[in-house]
Amino acid sequence: MVNDDMRKNSEGYSDPTVYNALKNIEKDGDERFHKLLDAIFTICELSGFHIEERIIVKDKKTVEFGGKK
């Protein structure tokens, strides 16, 4: 879990952008989503394809789209 000390940068100033980014990385769904994307890109690369447009996926467990609520 991200603690309050991570809300501040090395100089002690509040850095909510980094804090929020780190907090979001910890979500289990993000890890699963990135593994899925890696698999999709690998399959495309191995079969001679590339992705042209945005991919929208829905997580059946959390009802999230594209890794975001």
C-alpha atoms as a PDB file:
ATOM      1  CA  MET A   1       0.000   0.000   0.000  1.00  0.00           C
ATOM      2  CA  VAL A   2       1.215   3.522  -0.761  1.00  0.00           C
ATOM      3  CA  ASN A   3       1.906   5.458   2.447  1.00  0.00           C
ATOM      4  CA  ASP A   4       1.686   9.190   3.202  1.00  0.00           C
ATOM      5  CA  ASP A   5       5.479   9.639   2.848  1.00  0.00           C
ATOM      6  CA  MET A   6       5.126   8.920  -0.870  1.00  0.00           C
ATOM      7  CA  ARG A   7       2.883  11.976  -1.254  1.00  0.00           C
ATOM      8  CA  LYS A   8       6.012  14.129  -1.122  1.00  0.00           C
ATOM      9  CA  ASN A   9       9.024  14.256  -3.405  1.00  0.00           C
ATOM     10  CA  SER A  10      12.637  13.974  -2.236  1.00  0.00           C
ATOM     11  CA  GLU A  11      12.677  17.685  -1.370  1.00  0.00           C
ATOM     12  CA  GLY A  12       9.600  17.371   0.844  1.00  0.00           C
ATOM     13  CA  TYR A  13       7.143  19.112  -1.476  1.00  0.00           C
ATOM     14  CA  SER A  14       3.722  17.641  -2.125  1.00  0.00           C
ATOM     15  CA  ASP A  15       3.673  15.639  -5.373  1.00  0.00           C
ATOM     16  CA  PRO A  16       0.122  14.312  -5.875  1.00  0.00           C
ATOM     17  CA  THR A  17       0.741  13.257  -9.489  1.00  0.00           C
ATOM     18  CA  VAL A  18       3.444  10.752  -8.570  1.00  0.00           C
ATOM     19  CA  TYR A  19       1.494   9.609  -5.505  1.00  0.00           C
ATOM     20  CA  ASN A  20      -1.635   8.940  -7.559  1.00  0.00           C
ATOM     21  CA  ALA A  21       0.368   7.148 -10.237  1.00  0.00           C
ATOM     22  CA  LEU A  22       1.998   4.864  -7.684  1.00  0.00           C
ATOM     23  CA  LYS A  23      -1.338   4.217  -6.009  1.00  0.00           C
ATOM     24  CA  ASN A  24      -2.882   3.198  -9.327  1.00  0.00           C
ATOM     25  CA  ILE A  25       0.012   0.862 -10.160  1.00  0.00           C
ATOM     26  CA  GLU A  26      -0.783  -1.189  -7.065  1.00  0.00           C
ATOM     27  CA  LYS A  27      -4.182  -2.192  -8.310  1.00  0.00           C
ATOM     28  CA  ASP A  28      -4.447  -5.887  -9.156  1.00  0.00           C
ATOM     29  CA  GLY A  29      -6.471  -5.143 -12.263  1.00  0.00           C
ATOM     30  CA  ASP A  30      -3.686  -3.041 -13.725  1.00  0.00           C
ATOM     31  CA  GLU A  31      -1.256  -5.926 -13.527  1.00  0.00           C
ATOM     32  CA  ARG A  32      -3.705  -8.280 -15.207  1.00  0.00           C
ATOM     33  CA  PHE A  33      -4.517  -5.677 -17.849  1.00  0.00           C
ATOM     34  CA  HIS A  34      -0.858  -5.094 -18.715  1.00  0.00           C
ATOM     35  CA  LYS A  35      -0.215  -8.835 -18.937  1.00  0.00           C
ATOM     36  CA  LEU A  36      -3.141  -9.104 -21.340  1.00  0.00           C
ATOM     37  CA  LEU A  37      -1.823  -6.243 -23.481  1.00  0.00           C
ATOM     38  CA  ASP A  38       1.641  -7.796 -23.566  1.00  0.00           C
ATOM     39  CA  ALA A  39       0.116 -11.082 -24.729  1.00  0.00           C
ATOM     40  CA  ILE A  40      -1.957  -9.339 -27.431  1.00  0.00           C
ATOM     41  CA  PHE A  41       1.054  -7.396 -28.743  1.00  0.00           C
ATOM     42  CA  THR A  42       3.210 -10.545 -28.718  1.00  0.00           C
ATOM     43  CA  ILE A  43       0.598 -12.539 -30.642  1.00  0.00           C
ATOM     44  CA  CYS A  44       0.301  -9.745 -33.205  1.00  0.00           C
ATOM     45  CA  GLU A  45       4.065  -9.489 -33.591  1.00  0.00           C
ATOM     46  CA  LEU A  46       4.531 -13.245 -33.977  1.00  0.00           C
ATOM     47  CA  SER A  47       1.774 -13.489 -36.582  1.00  0.00           C
ATOM     48  CA  GLY A  48       2.894 -10.496 -38.641  1.00  0.00           C
ATOM     49  CA  PHE A  49       0.214  -8.010 -37.560  1.00  0.00           C
ATOM     50  CA  HIS A  50       0.243  -4.703 -35.709  1.00  0.00           C
ATOM     51  CA  ILE A  51      -2.493  -2.805 -33.927  1.00  0.00           C
ATOM     52  CA  GLU A  52      -3.776   0.311 -35.708  1.00  0.00           C
ATOM     53  CA  GLU A  53      -6.552   1.507 -33.422  1.00  0.00           C
ATOM     54  CA  ARG A  54      -7.391   1.655 -29.748  1.00  0.00           C
ATOM     55  CA  ILE A  55      -8.278  -1.660 -28.090  1.00  0.00           C
ATOM     56  CA  ILE A  56     -11.182  -1.640 -25.639  1.00  0.00           C
ATOM     57  CA  VAL A  57     -11.454  -4.587 -23.276  1.00  0.00           C
ATOM     58  CA  LYS A  58     -13.901  -5.213 -20.451  1.00  0.00           C
ATOM     59  CA  ASP A  59     -12.822  -6.954 -17.257  1.00  0.00           C
ATOM     60  CA  LYS A  60     -15.558  -9.419 -16.329  1.00  0.00           C
ATOM     61  CA  LYS A  61     -14.421  -9.426 -12.686  1.00  0.00           C
ATOM     62  CA  THR A  62     -14.424  -5.696 -12.032  1.00  0.00           C
ATOM     63  CA  VAL A  63     -16.500  -4.246 -14.912  1.00  0.00           C
ATOM     64  CA  GLU A  64     -13.601  -1.980 -15.873  1.00  0.00           C
ATOM     65  CA  PHE A  65     -12.802  -0.906 -19.409  1.00  0.00           C
ATOM     66  CA  GLY A  66      -9.255  -0.722 -20.716  1.00  0.00           C
ATOM     67  CA  GLY A  67      -7.784  -1.020 -17.243  1.00  0.00           C
ATOM     68  CA  LYS A  68      -9.715   2.004 -15.922  1.00  0.00           C
ATOM     69  CA  LYS A  69     -13.013   2.320 -14.074  1.00  0.00           C
END
